[in-house]
Amino acid sequence: MPVAIGNYAPPKGAIPIVWEDDHLLVVDKPHGLLSVPGRGEHLRDSLLTRLQEMRAEVLLCHRLDRDTSGIMVFALTKEAQRRMGRLFETKRVKKRYVARVWGEVAEPRGTVDLPLIVDWPNRPRQHVDNEAGKPSVTDWERGAVEDGTTRMVLKPRTGRSHQLRVHMKEIGHPILGDPFYAEGPAGDFDRLMLHAEGLKFAHPITEKVLRLEVPAPF
């Protein structure tokens, strides 16, 4: 069964380095580890704090949910952080995720276009709100179908909180092991089956196109 939402027992061990130079540090975030510290000393342990303990100059560029694993980019200078942030803001970073979802998806590909907003009484949950929600769009492609589940490639055009998780739930195929949006047997897995597999962007300083990838561990 998934770990209770209120519990925080992050995995230990070294953080794998995917790529680095004088400006950027790219790592593979393990699932179950916060990207940044939460409120309170019990939530201080995070990917950012661990990296800063090794290299004080490490700066945040973007985030992944605690339960999502995969590729994350950090800056090593203020200028690289500023420019990398601009790339994310202007949607010039192409993101690719892999997920396993409940059920056998019939169509080979599709797009989910549903605006999202925080569900305040139940935060950090998000929900669809066609009037007040922010535009949220996800392209998806079906992969292998096995044992009543489907492997999916997800390519978000926007970067809303919990976007992929809510969008998959809304099309009737929640991500396996999701403690917020999967119910019944779909939630009966030891982790959220969502992984940030790839990023493509022009290096913020050298402008060389980088294609970085970390295969999904599931």
N, C-alpha and C. Protein backbone atom coordinates (compact mmCIF):
# COMPACT_ATOMS: atom_id res chain seq x y z
N MET A 1 0.84 -1.20 0.00
CA MET A 1 0.00 0.00 0.00
C MET A 1 0.87 1.25 0.00
N PRO A 2 0.41 2.36 -0.59
CA PRO A 2 1.19 3.58 -0.56
C PRO A 2 1.41 4.07 0.86
N VAL A 3 2.53 4.74 1.09
CA VAL A 3 2.80 5.34 2.39
C VAL A 3 1.79 6.44 2.65
N ALA A 4 1.35 6.58 3.87
CA ALA A 4 0.39 7.62 4.21
C ALA A 4 0.92 8.99 3.80
N ILE A 5 0.01 9.84 3.31
CA ILE A 5 0.41 11.12 2.76
C ILE A 5 1.16 11.95 3.79
N GLY A 6 0.77 11.89 5.05
CA GLY A 6 1.40 12.71 6.07
C GLY A 6 2.78 12.24 6.48
N ASN A 7 3.16 11.02 6.19
CA ASN A 7 4.46 10.49 6.58
C ASN A 7 5.53 10.95 5.60
N TYR A 8 6.73 11.21 6.13
CA TYR A 8 7.84 11.59 5.25
C TYR A 8 9.07 10.81 5.67
N ALA A 9 9.40 9.81 4.89
CA ALA A 9 10.58 8.99 5.14
C ALA A 9 11.36 8.90 3.84
N PRO A 10 12.09 9.96 3.48
CA PRO A 10 12.78 10.01 2.18
C PRO A 10 13.86 8.95 2.06
N PRO A 11 14.09 8.47 0.85
CA PRO A 11 15.13 7.46 0.64
C PRO A 11 16.52 8.03 0.89
N LYS A 12 17.41 7.18 1.32
CA LYS A 12 18.79 7.57 1.56
C LYS A 12 19.64 7.20 0.36
N GLY A 13 20.90 7.53 0.42
CA GLY A 13 21.81 7.14 -0.67
C GLY A 13 22.22 8.32 -1.52
N ALA A 14 23.23 8.08 -2.35
CA ALA A 14 23.77 9.12 -3.21
C ALA A 14 22.78 9.53 -4.29
N ILE A 15 22.87 10.80 -4.70
CA ILE A 15 22.03 11.31 -5.78
C ILE A 15 22.79 11.14 -7.10
N PRO A 16 22.25 10.37 -8.05
CA PRO A 16 22.97 10.15 -9.32
C PRO A 16 23.07 11.45 -10.13
N ILE A 17 24.28 11.75 -10.59
CA ILE A 17 24.50 12.90 -11.46
C ILE A 17 24.38 12.46 -12.91
N VAL A 18 23.55 13.14 -13.66
CA VAL A 18 23.28 12.80 -15.06
C VAL A 18 24.22 13.57 -15.99
N TRP A 19 24.45 14.84 -15.67
CA TRP A 19 25.27 15.70 -16.55
C TRP A 19 25.63 16.95 -15.77
N GLU A 20 26.82 17.51 -16.03
CA GLU A 20 27.19 18.76 -15.38
C GLU A 20 28.26 19.49 -16.18
N ASP A 21 28.30 20.80 -15.99
CA ASP A 21 29.39 21.63 -16.50
C ASP A 21 29.58 22.78 -15.51
N ASP A 22 30.17 23.87 -15.91
CA ASP A 22 30.42 24.98 -14.99
C ASP A 22 29.16 25.77 -14.65
N HIS A 23 28.06 25.51 -15.36
CA HIS A 23 26.85 26.32 -15.22
C HIS A 23 25.65 25.55 -14.69
N LEU A 24 25.55 24.25 -15.03
CA LEU A 24 24.38 23.45 -14.69
C LEU A 24 24.78 22.13 -14.03
N LEU A 25 23.89 21.63 -13.20
CA LEU A 25 24.03 20.30 -12.61
C LEU A 25 22.70 19.58 -12.81
N VAL A 26 22.73 18.45 -13.50
CA VAL A 26 21.52 17.69 -13.80
C VAL A 26 21.60 16.36 -13.04
N VAL A 27 20.53 16.05 -12.29
CA VAL A 27 20.55 14.86 -11.45
C VAL A 27 19.27 14.05 -11.65
N ASP A 28 19.29 12.84 -11.09
CA ASP A 28 18.14 11.93 -11.12
C ASP A 28 17.53 11.92 -9.73
N LYS A 29 16.39 12.59 -9.55
CA LYS A 29 15.73 12.66 -8.25
C LYS A 29 15.04 11.35 -7.91
N PRO A 30 15.29 10.78 -6.73
CA PRO A 30 14.55 9.58 -6.35
C PRO A 30 13.12 9.92 -5.93
N HIS A 31 12.21 8.98 -6.11
CA HIS A 31 10.84 9.21 -5.66
C HIS A 31 10.82 9.22 -4.14
N GLY A 32 9.90 10.00 -3.58
CA GLY A 32 9.78 10.08 -2.14
C GLY A 32 10.61 11.16 -1.49
N LEU A 33 11.41 11.90 -2.27
CA LEU A 33 12.25 12.96 -1.75
C LEU A 33 11.72 14.31 -2.23
N LEU A 34 11.49 15.24 -1.31
CA LEU A 34 11.06 16.58 -1.68
C LEU A 34 12.10 17.26 -2.56
N SER A 35 11.65 18.07 -3.50
CA SER A 35 12.58 18.86 -4.31
C SER A 35 13.22 19.96 -3.48
N VAL A 36 12.42 20.60 -2.62
CA VAL A 36 12.88 21.68 -1.75
C VAL A 36 12.34 21.42 -0.35
N PRO A 37 12.93 22.04 0.68
CA PRO A 37 12.44 21.79 2.04
C PRO A 37 10.98 22.21 2.21
N GLY A 38 10.27 21.45 3.02
CA GLY A 38 8.91 21.83 3.39
C GLY A 38 8.92 22.64 4.67
N ARG A 39 7.74 22.90 5.20
CA ARG A 39 7.64 23.66 6.44
C ARG A 39 7.90 22.76 7.64
N GLY A 40 8.82 23.17 8.49
CA GLY A 40 9.14 22.38 9.68
C GLY A 40 10.44 21.61 9.49
N GLU A 41 11.13 21.39 10.60
CA GLU A 41 12.43 20.71 10.56
C GLU A 41 12.30 19.29 10.04
N HIS A 42 11.15 18.65 10.30
CA HIS A 42 10.96 17.26 9.85
C HIS A 42 10.86 17.15 8.34
N LEU A 43 10.68 18.28 7.65
CA LEU A 43 10.62 18.28 6.19
C LEU A 43 11.80 19.02 5.57
N ARG A 44 12.86 19.19 6.34
CA ARG A 44 14.03 19.91 5.83
C ARG A 44 14.78 19.11 4.77
N ASP A 45 14.86 17.80 4.95
CA ASP A 45 15.61 16.96 4.01
C ASP A 45 14.97 17.04 2.62
N SER A 46 15.76 17.42 1.63
CA SER A 46 15.25 17.57 0.27
C SER A 46 16.39 17.40 -0.71
N LEU A 47 16.04 17.30 -1.98
CA LEU A 47 17.08 17.21 -3.00
C LEU A 47 17.96 18.46 -2.99
N LEU A 48 17.33 19.63 -2.88
CA LEU A 48 18.10 20.88 -2.89
C LEU A 48 19.08 20.94 -1.72
N THR A 49 18.61 20.64 -0.51
CA THR A 49 19.50 20.72 0.64
C THR A 49 20.62 19.68 0.56
N ARG A 50 20.34 18.50 0.06
CA ARG A 50 21.40 17.49 -0.09
C ARG A 50 22.46 17.95 -1.08
N LEU A 51 22.02 18.51 -2.19
CA LEU A 51 23.00 18.98 -3.19
C LEU A 51 23.79 20.16 -2.65
N GLN A 52 23.14 21.05 -1.90
CA GLN A 52 23.85 22.21 -1.35
C GLN A 52 24.84 21.81 -0.26
N GLU A 53 24.61 20.68 0.37
CA GLU A 53 25.59 20.19 1.34
C GLU A 53 26.86 19.73 0.65
N MET A 54 26.74 19.31 -0.61
CA MET A 54 27.91 18.91 -1.40
C MET A 54 28.54 20.08 -2.12
N ARG A 55 27.67 20.98 -2.63
CA ARG A 55 28.13 22.14 -3.38
C ARG A 55 27.24 23.33 -3.01
N ALA A 56 27.78 24.26 -2.26
CA ALA A 56 26.99 25.36 -1.70
C ALA A 56 26.39 26.25 -2.77
N GLU A 57 26.96 26.24 -3.98
CA GLU A 57 26.50 27.15 -5.03
C GLU A 57 25.27 26.65 -5.79
N VAL A 58 24.79 25.45 -5.50
CA VAL A 58 23.65 24.88 -6.22
C VAL A 58 22.40 25.73 -6.03
N LEU A 59 21.71 26.04 -7.15
CA LEU A 59 20.51 26.89 -7.13
C LEU A 59 19.36 26.18 -7.83
N LEU A 60 18.15 26.37 -7.33
CA LEU A 60 16.95 25.71 -7.87
C LEU A 60 16.51 26.34 -9.18
N CYS A 61 16.09 25.51 -10.14
CA CYS A 61 15.54 25.99 -11.41
C CYS A 61 14.08 25.60 -11.61
N HIS A 62 13.68 24.43 -11.10
CA HIS A 62 12.30 23.96 -11.23
C HIS A 62 12.09 22.87 -10.20
N ARG A 63 10.91 22.29 -10.15
CA ARG A 63 10.59 21.29 -9.14
C ARG A 63 9.90 20.08 -9.74
N LEU A 64 9.97 18.98 -9.01
CA LEU A 64 9.14 17.81 -9.25
C LEU A 64 8.40 17.49 -7.96
N ASP A 65 7.22 16.89 -8.08
CA ASP A 65 6.49 16.45 -6.89
C ASP A 65 7.35 15.49 -6.08
N ARG A 66 7.09 15.44 -4.80
CA ARG A 66 7.83 14.53 -3.91
C ARG A 66 7.83 13.09 -4.42
N ASP A 67 6.68 12.62 -4.88
CA ASP A 67 6.55 11.21 -5.24
C ASP A 67 6.97 10.91 -6.68
N THR A 68 7.32 11.94 -7.44
CA THR A 68 7.78 11.76 -8.82
C THR A 68 9.30 11.63 -8.84
N SER A 69 9.81 10.71 -9.62
CA SER A 69 11.26 10.56 -9.78
C SER A 69 11.68 11.15 -11.12
N GLY A 70 13.00 11.28 -11.28
CA GLY A 70 13.50 11.63 -12.60
C GLY A 70 14.38 12.86 -12.67
N ILE A 71 14.53 13.34 -13.88
CA ILE A 71 15.55 14.31 -14.22
C ILE A 71 15.19 15.71 -13.75
N MET A 72 16.16 16.35 -13.08
CA MET A 72 16.00 17.73 -12.61
C MET A 72 17.26 18.52 -12.91
N VAL A 73 17.06 19.80 -13.26
CA VAL A 73 18.16 20.70 -13.60
C VAL A 73 18.35 21.72 -12.48
N PHE A 74 19.59 21.89 -12.04
CA PHE A 74 19.96 22.92 -11.08
C PHE A 74 21.03 23.81 -11.70
N ALA A 75 21.05 25.07 -11.28
CA ALA A 75 22.06 26.01 -11.78
C ALA A 75 23.21 26.10 -10.79
N LEU A 76 24.38 26.48 -11.30
CA LEU A 76 25.57 26.66 -10.47
C LEU A 76 26.01 28.12 -10.39
N THR A 77 25.30 28.98 -11.13
CA THR A 77 25.55 30.42 -11.05
C THR A 77 24.21 31.15 -11.10
N LYS A 78 24.18 32.37 -10.59
CA LYS A 78 22.96 33.17 -10.62
C LYS A 78 22.51 33.44 -12.05
N GLU A 79 23.46 33.69 -12.95
CA GLU A 79 23.09 33.98 -14.33
C GLU A 79 22.48 32.76 -15.00
N ALA A 80 23.06 31.59 -14.77
CA ALA A 80 22.49 30.37 -15.34
C ALA A 80 21.11 30.11 -14.77
N GLN A 81 20.90 30.39 -13.49
CA GLN A 81 19.59 30.21 -12.88
C GLN A 81 18.57 31.15 -13.52
N ARG A 82 18.95 32.41 -13.70
CA ARG A 82 18.04 33.38 -14.29
C ARG A 82 17.64 32.98 -15.70
N ARG A 83 18.63 32.59 -16.51
CA ARG A 83 18.34 32.23 -17.90
C ARG A 83 17.58 30.92 -17.99
N MET A 84 17.92 29.96 -17.12
CA MET A 84 17.21 28.68 -17.14
C MET A 84 15.76 28.88 -16.72
N GLY A 85 15.54 29.73 -15.73
CA GLY A 85 14.18 30.04 -15.32
C GLY A 85 13.37 30.64 -16.45
N ARG A 86 14.01 31.48 -17.23
CA ARG A 86 13.33 32.09 -18.37
C ARG A 86 12.95 31.05 -19.42
N LEU A 87 13.81 30.06 -19.62
CA LEU A 87 13.50 28.99 -20.57
C LEU A 87 12.25 28.22 -20.13
N PHE A 88 12.15 27.93 -18.84
CA PHE A 88 10.97 27.24 -18.34
C PHE A 88 9.73 28.12 -18.47
N GLU A 89 9.85 29.38 -18.12
CA GLU A 89 8.71 30.30 -18.17
C GLU A 89 8.16 30.46 -19.58
N THR A 90 9.03 30.47 -20.56
CA THR A 90 8.62 30.68 -21.95
C THR A 90 8.39 29.37 -22.70
N LYS A 91 8.34 28.27 -21.94
CA LYS A 91 8.01 26.94 -22.49
C LYS A 91 8.99 26.50 -23.57
N ARG A 92 10.26 26.83 -23.37
CA ARG A 92 11.29 26.39 -24.31
C ARG A 92 12.08 25.18 -23.79
N VAL A 93 11.56 24.55 -22.77
CA VAL A 93 12.09 23.29 -22.27
C VAL A 93 11.08 22.20 -22.60
N LYS A 94 11.47 21.25 -23.42
CA LYS A 94 10.58 20.15 -23.79
C LYS A 94 10.72 19.03 -22.76
N LYS A 95 9.58 18.65 -22.15
CA LYS A 95 9.59 17.66 -21.09
C LYS A 95 8.92 16.36 -21.56
N ARG A 96 9.46 15.24 -21.13
CA ARG A 96 8.86 13.94 -21.44
C ARG A 96 8.83 13.09 -20.17
N TYR A 97 7.66 12.60 -19.85
CA TYR A 97 7.48 11.75 -18.68
C TYR A 97 7.02 10.36 -19.12
N VAL A 98 7.29 9.38 -18.27
CA VAL A 98 6.75 8.04 -18.45
C VAL A 98 5.89 7.73 -17.23
N ALA A 99 4.73 7.14 -17.48
CA ALA A 99 3.83 6.77 -16.38
C ALA A 99 3.24 5.40 -16.67
N ARG A 100 2.86 4.70 -15.63
CA ARG A 100 2.00 3.53 -15.76
C ARG A 100 0.66 3.88 -15.17
N VAL A 101 -0.41 3.64 -15.93
CA VAL A 101 -1.74 4.04 -15.50
C VAL A 101 -2.66 2.83 -15.40
N TRP A 102 -3.73 3.02 -14.66
CA TRP A 102 -4.72 1.96 -14.45
C TRP A 102 -5.58 1.80 -15.70
N GLY A 103 -5.83 0.56 -16.09
CA GLY A 103 -6.71 0.29 -17.21
C GLY A 103 -5.96 0.17 -18.52
N GLU A 104 -6.66 -0.34 -19.51
CA GLU A 104 -6.09 -0.51 -20.84
C GLU A 104 -6.56 0.62 -21.74
N VAL A 105 -5.66 1.52 -22.08
CA VAL A 105 -5.99 2.69 -22.89
C VAL A 105 -6.24 2.24 -24.32
N ALA A 106 -7.37 2.64 -24.88
CA ALA A 106 -7.76 2.16 -26.20
C ALA A 106 -7.10 2.94 -27.34
N GLU A 107 -7.05 4.26 -27.23
CA GLU A 107 -6.54 5.09 -28.32
C GLU A 107 -5.00 5.14 -28.30
N PRO A 108 -4.38 5.32 -29.46
CA PRO A 108 -2.91 5.35 -29.51
C PRO A 108 -2.32 6.65 -28.99
N ARG A 109 -3.06 7.73 -29.05
CA ARG A 109 -2.54 9.03 -28.60
C ARG A 109 -3.71 9.99 -28.39
N GLY A 110 -3.43 11.09 -27.73
CA GLY A 110 -4.48 12.08 -27.50
C GLY A 110 -3.94 13.29 -26.77
N THR A 111 -4.82 14.22 -26.48
CA THR A 111 -4.48 15.44 -25.77
C THR A 111 -5.54 15.72 -24.71
N VAL A 112 -5.10 16.07 -23.52
CA VAL A 112 -6.01 16.48 -22.45
C VAL A 112 -5.87 17.98 -22.28
N ASP A 113 -6.97 18.70 -22.44
CA ASP A 113 -6.98 20.16 -22.32
C ASP A 113 -8.04 20.52 -21.28
N LEU A 114 -7.62 20.54 -20.01
CA LEU A 114 -8.54 20.81 -18.90
C LEU A 114 -7.87 21.77 -17.93
N PRO A 115 -8.49 22.93 -17.66
CA PRO A 115 -7.89 23.93 -16.77
C PRO A 115 -7.92 23.47 -15.32
N LEU A 116 -6.84 23.76 -14.59
CA LEU A 116 -6.69 23.27 -13.22
C LEU A 116 -6.53 24.41 -12.22
N ILE A 117 -6.97 24.14 -11.00
CA ILE A 117 -6.82 25.10 -9.90
C ILE A 117 -6.70 24.29 -8.61
N VAL A 118 -6.07 24.87 -7.59
CA VAL A 118 -5.93 24.17 -6.33
C VAL A 118 -7.30 23.94 -5.69
N ASP A 119 -7.48 22.78 -5.12
CA ASP A 119 -8.70 22.43 -4.38
C ASP A 119 -8.45 22.84 -2.92
N TRP A 120 -8.75 24.10 -2.59
CA TRP A 120 -8.32 24.69 -1.32
C TRP A 120 -8.69 23.88 -0.09
N PRO A 121 -9.91 23.36 0.04
CA PRO A 121 -10.22 22.59 1.24
C PRO A 121 -9.39 21.30 1.35
N ASN A 122 -8.85 20.85 0.22
CA ASN A 122 -8.11 19.57 0.19
C ASN A 122 -6.70 19.73 -0.35
N ARG A 123 -6.14 20.95 -0.27
CA ARG A 123 -4.81 21.17 -0.82
C ARG A 123 -3.79 20.24 -0.17
N PRO A 124 -2.77 19.76 -0.90
CA PRO A 124 -2.33 20.27 -2.20
C PRO A 124 -3.02 19.66 -3.42
N ARG A 125 -4.13 18.98 -3.22
CA ARG A 125 -4.85 18.45 -4.37
C ARG A 125 -5.26 19.56 -5.34
N GLN A 126 -5.33 19.21 -6.61
CA GLN A 126 -5.80 20.13 -7.65
C GLN A 126 -7.06 19.53 -8.27
N HIS A 127 -7.86 20.37 -8.94
CA HIS A 127 -9.02 19.83 -9.63
C HIS A 127 -9.35 20.69 -10.84
N VAL A 128 -10.20 20.16 -11.70
CA VAL A 128 -10.59 20.86 -12.92
C VAL A 128 -11.62 21.94 -12.58
N ASP A 129 -11.40 23.13 -13.11
CA ASP A 129 -12.34 24.24 -12.94
C ASP A 129 -12.38 25.00 -14.25
N ASN A 130 -13.46 24.82 -15.00
CA ASN A 130 -13.54 25.41 -16.34
C ASN A 130 -13.69 26.92 -16.32
N GLU A 131 -14.00 27.50 -15.18
CA GLU A 131 -14.16 28.95 -15.10
C GLU A 131 -12.93 29.64 -14.50
N ALA A 132 -12.43 29.12 -13.39
CA ALA A 132 -11.32 29.78 -12.69
C ALA A 132 -9.98 29.10 -12.89
N GLY A 133 -9.99 27.91 -13.49
CA GLY A 133 -8.74 27.16 -13.64
C GLY A 133 -7.77 27.79 -14.63
N LYS A 134 -6.48 27.48 -14.45
CA LYS A 134 -5.45 27.95 -15.37
C LYS A 134 -5.29 26.95 -16.52
N PRO A 135 -5.04 27.43 -17.74
CA PRO A 135 -4.89 26.53 -18.89
C PRO A 135 -3.86 25.43 -18.61
N SER A 136 -4.24 24.20 -18.92
CA SER A 136 -3.38 23.04 -18.66
C SER A 136 -3.57 22.04 -19.79
N VAL A 137 -2.48 21.72 -20.48
CA VAL A 137 -2.57 20.85 -21.65
C VAL A 137 -1.49 19.78 -21.59
N THR A 138 -1.90 18.54 -21.82
CA THR A 138 -0.98 17.39 -21.83
C THR A 138 -1.20 16.55 -23.08
N ASP A 139 -0.15 16.31 -23.84
CA ASP A 139 -0.19 15.34 -24.94
C ASP A 139 0.26 13.99 -24.41
N TRP A 140 -0.36 12.93 -24.90
CA TRP A 140 0.02 11.60 -24.44
C TRP A 140 0.06 10.60 -25.59
N GLU A 141 0.88 9.57 -25.41
CA GLU A 141 0.98 8.47 -26.36
C GLU A 141 0.96 7.15 -25.58
N ARG A 142 0.19 6.22 -26.09
CA ARG A 142 0.09 4.91 -25.43
C ARG A 142 1.31 4.06 -25.74
N GLY A 143 1.80 3.38 -24.71
CA GLY A 143 2.87 2.41 -24.88
C GLY A 143 2.32 1.01 -24.69
N ALA A 144 3.08 0.17 -24.00
CA ALA A 144 2.69 -1.23 -23.81
C ALA A 144 1.50 -1.36 -22.87
N VAL A 145 0.61 -2.30 -23.19
CA VAL A 145 -0.52 -2.63 -22.34
C VAL A 145 -0.26 -4.00 -21.73
N GLU A 146 -0.32 -4.06 -20.38
CA GLU A 146 -0.02 -5.34 -19.73
C GLU A 146 -0.74 -5.44 -18.38
N ASP A 147 -1.33 -6.59 -18.15
CA ASP A 147 -1.98 -6.89 -16.86
C ASP A 147 -2.97 -5.82 -16.42
N GLY A 148 -3.75 -5.32 -17.37
CA GLY A 148 -4.76 -4.34 -17.03
C GLY A 148 -4.24 -2.94 -16.76
N THR A 149 -2.99 -2.68 -17.11
CA THR A 149 -2.41 -1.35 -16.97
C THR A 149 -1.76 -0.95 -18.30
N THR A 150 -1.44 0.34 -18.42
CA THR A 150 -0.87 0.85 -19.67
C THR A 150 0.31 1.76 -19.37
N ARG A 151 1.38 1.58 -20.12
CA ARG A 151 2.51 2.50 -20.04
C ARG A 151 2.24 3.68 -20.97
N MET A 152 2.46 4.88 -20.47
CA MET A 152 2.16 6.09 -21.24
C MET A 152 3.37 7.00 -21.31
N VAL A 153 3.52 7.68 -22.44
CA VAL A 153 4.47 8.77 -22.58
C VAL A 153 3.67 10.07 -22.51
N LEU A 154 4.02 10.94 -21.57
CA LEU A 154 3.28 12.16 -21.32
C LEU A 154 4.16 13.37 -21.62
N LYS A 155 3.63 14.30 -22.41
CA LYS A 155 4.39 15.49 -22.79
C LYS A 155 3.56 16.73 -22.44
N PRO A 156 3.80 17.31 -21.27
CA PRO A 156 3.01 18.48 -20.86
C PRO A 156 3.42 19.73 -21.64
N ARG A 157 2.43 20.47 -22.10
CA ARG A 157 2.70 21.76 -22.73
C ARG A 157 2.73 22.88 -21.69
N THR A 158 2.09 22.64 -20.56
CA THR A 158 2.09 23.59 -19.45
C THR A 158 2.66 22.89 -18.23
N GLY A 159 2.89 23.64 -17.16
CA GLY A 159 3.54 23.06 -15.99
C GLY A 159 2.78 23.28 -14.70
N ARG A 160 1.50 22.95 -14.67
CA ARG A 160 0.69 23.13 -13.48
C ARG A 160 0.98 22.05 -12.42
N SER A 161 0.78 22.42 -11.19
CA SER A 161 0.96 21.47 -10.10
C SER A 161 0.03 20.27 -10.28
N HIS A 162 0.58 19.07 -10.17
CA HIS A 162 -0.18 17.81 -10.28
C HIS A 162 -0.86 17.65 -11.65
N GLN A 163 -0.40 18.38 -12.66
CA GLN A 163 -1.09 18.37 -13.95
C GLN A 163 -1.25 16.97 -14.53
N LEU A 164 -0.16 16.24 -14.63
CA LEU A 164 -0.22 14.91 -15.25
C LEU A 164 -1.09 13.97 -14.44
N ARG A 165 -1.01 14.08 -13.13
CA ARG A 165 -1.76 13.20 -12.25
C ARG A 165 -3.27 13.44 -12.38
N VAL A 166 -3.67 14.71 -12.41
CA VAL A 166 -5.10 15.02 -12.53
C VAL A 166 -5.60 14.70 -13.93
N HIS A 167 -4.82 15.03 -14.95
CA HIS A 167 -5.25 14.78 -16.32
C HIS A 167 -5.46 13.29 -16.58
N MET A 168 -4.56 12.45 -16.09
CA MET A 168 -4.75 11.01 -16.28
C MET A 168 -5.99 10.52 -15.53
N LYS A 169 -6.20 11.02 -14.33
CA LYS A 169 -7.40 10.65 -13.58
C LYS A 169 -8.66 11.05 -14.35
N GLU A 170 -8.65 12.24 -14.95
CA GLU A 170 -9.84 12.76 -15.62
C GLU A 170 -10.20 11.97 -16.88
N ILE A 171 -9.24 11.31 -17.50
CA ILE A 171 -9.56 10.49 -18.67
C ILE A 171 -9.82 9.03 -18.27
N GLY A 172 -9.92 8.81 -16.95
CA GLY A 172 -10.28 7.48 -16.46
C GLY A 172 -9.13 6.53 -16.27
N HIS A 173 -7.90 7.03 -16.28
CA HIS A 173 -6.72 6.17 -16.15
C HIS A 173 -5.73 6.78 -15.15
N PRO A 174 -6.07 6.76 -13.85
CA PRO A 174 -5.16 7.34 -12.85
C PRO A 174 -3.80 6.66 -12.84
N ILE A 175 -2.79 7.43 -12.49
CA ILE A 175 -1.44 6.88 -12.41
C ILE A 175 -1.35 5.93 -11.23
N LEU A 176 -0.75 4.78 -11.44
CA LEU A 176 -0.65 3.76 -10.40
C LEU A 176 0.10 4.30 -9.19
N GLY A 177 -0.40 3.96 -8.01
CA GLY A 177 0.27 4.34 -6.78
C GLY A 177 0.12 5.79 -6.39
N ASP A 178 -0.78 6.51 -7.02
CA ASP A 178 -0.95 7.93 -6.70
C ASP A 178 -1.74 8.07 -5.39
N PRO A 179 -1.10 8.63 -4.33
CA PRO A 179 -1.79 8.72 -3.04
C PRO A 179 -2.91 9.74 -3.02
N PHE A 180 -2.98 10.64 -3.99
CA PHE A 180 -4.02 11.65 -4.04
C PHE A 180 -5.18 11.29 -4.95
N TYR A 181 -4.88 10.69 -6.11
CA TYR A 181 -5.90 10.58 -7.15
C TYR A 181 -6.24 9.15 -7.56
N ALA A 182 -5.52 8.16 -7.10
CA ALA A 182 -5.84 6.77 -7.43
C ALA A 182 -6.61 6.13 -6.28
N GLU A 183 -7.65 5.37 -6.61
CA GLU A 183 -8.46 4.72 -5.60
C GLU A 183 -8.48 3.22 -5.83
N GLY A 184 -8.76 2.48 -4.77
CA GLY A 184 -8.86 1.02 -4.89
C GLY A 184 -7.56 0.39 -5.33
N PRO A 185 -7.63 -0.63 -6.18
CA PRO A 185 -6.42 -1.35 -6.59
C PRO A 185 -5.44 -0.47 -7.36
N ALA A 186 -5.91 0.62 -7.99
CA ALA A 186 -4.99 1.51 -8.71
C ALA A 186 -4.00 2.17 -7.76
N GLY A 187 -4.37 2.30 -6.50
CA GLY A 187 -3.47 2.91 -5.53
C GLY A 187 -2.60 1.92 -4.79
N ASP A 188 -2.80 0.63 -5.07
CA ASP A 188 -2.12 -0.41 -4.30
C ASP A 188 -0.74 -0.73 -4.90
N PHE A 189 0.12 0.28 -4.95
CA PHE A 189 1.48 0.10 -5.45
C PHE A 189 2.44 0.82 -4.51
N ASP A 190 3.71 0.40 -4.52
CA ASP A 190 4.65 0.92 -3.51
C ASP A 190 5.23 2.28 -3.86
N ARG A 191 4.85 2.85 -5.01
CA ARG A 191 5.29 4.19 -5.37
C ARG A 191 4.38 4.76 -6.44
N LEU A 192 4.44 6.07 -6.62
CA LEU A 192 3.77 6.71 -7.74
C LEU A 192 4.53 6.36 -9.01
N MET A 193 3.84 5.77 -9.97
CA MET A 193 4.49 5.32 -11.20
C MET A 193 4.55 6.47 -12.21
N LEU A 194 5.31 7.51 -11.85
CA LEU A 194 5.49 8.68 -12.71
C LEU A 194 6.95 9.09 -12.65
N HIS A 195 7.56 9.24 -13.82
CA HIS A 195 9.01 9.49 -13.89
C HIS A 195 9.30 10.52 -14.97
N ALA A 196 10.06 11.55 -14.62
CA ALA A 196 10.50 12.55 -15.58
C ALA A 196 11.69 11.98 -16.35
N GLU A 197 11.42 11.50 -17.56
CA GLU A 197 12.41 10.73 -18.30
C GLU A 197 13.36 11.60 -19.13
N GLY A 198 12.87 12.71 -19.69
CA GLY A 198 13.72 13.46 -20.61
C GLY A 198 13.45 14.95 -20.62
N LEU A 199 14.52 15.71 -20.90
CA LEU A 199 14.42 17.16 -21.10
C LEU A 199 15.24 17.53 -22.33
N LYS A 200 14.72 18.47 -23.09
CA LYS A 200 15.44 19.01 -24.24
C LYS A 200 15.35 20.53 -24.19
N PHE A 201 16.52 21.19 -24.26
CA PHE A 201 16.54 22.65 -24.22
C PHE A 201 17.90 23.16 -24.70
N ALA A 202 17.94 24.42 -25.05
CA ALA A 202 19.19 25.05 -25.41
C ALA A 202 19.89 25.50 -24.13
N HIS A 203 21.14 25.12 -23.97
CA HIS A 203 21.92 25.49 -22.79
C HIS A 203 21.81 26.99 -22.56
N PRO A 204 21.49 27.43 -21.34
CA PRO A 204 21.24 28.86 -21.11
C PRO A 204 22.45 29.76 -21.32
N ILE A 205 23.65 29.20 -21.31
CA ILE A 205 24.86 30.01 -21.51
C ILE A 205 25.50 29.75 -22.87
N THR A 206 25.73 28.48 -23.19
CA THR A 206 26.42 28.14 -24.44
C THR A 206 25.47 28.06 -25.63
N GLU A 207 24.16 27.89 -25.37
CA GLU A 207 23.10 27.74 -26.38
C GLU A 207 23.18 26.44 -27.16
N LYS A 208 24.06 25.54 -26.73
CA LYS A 208 24.10 24.20 -27.33
C LYS A 208 22.86 23.43 -26.92
N VAL A 209 22.21 22.73 -27.87
CA VAL A 209 21.00 21.97 -27.57
C VAL A 209 21.38 20.72 -26.76
N LEU A 210 20.74 20.56 -25.60
CA LEU A 210 20.97 19.40 -24.75
C LEU A 210 19.75 18.49 -24.78
N ARG A 211 20.02 17.21 -24.95
CA ARG A 211 18.98 16.19 -24.87
C ARG A 211 19.40 15.23 -23.76
N LEU A 212 18.73 15.35 -22.62
CA LEU A 212 19.11 14.60 -21.44
C LEU A 212 18.02 13.59 -21.10
N GLU A 213 18.44 12.39 -20.69
CA GLU A 213 17.47 11.32 -20.47
C GLU A 213 17.88 10.44 -19.31
N VAL A 214 16.89 10.05 -18.50
CA VAL A 214 17.06 9.08 -17.44
C VAL A 214 15.93 8.06 -17.58
N PRO A 215 16.21 6.83 -18.00
CA PRO A 215 15.15 5.85 -18.20
C PRO A 215 14.35 5.59 -16.93
N ALA A 216 13.08 5.30 -17.09
CA ALA A 216 12.21 5.02 -15.95
C ALA A 216 12.64 3.73 -15.25
N PRO A 217 12.59 3.72 -13.91
CA PRO A 217 12.99 2.51 -13.17
C PRO A 217 11.88 1.48 -13.04
N PHE A 218 10.75 1.70 -13.70
CA PHE A 218 9.63 0.76 -13.59
C PHE A 218 9.10 0.39 -14.96
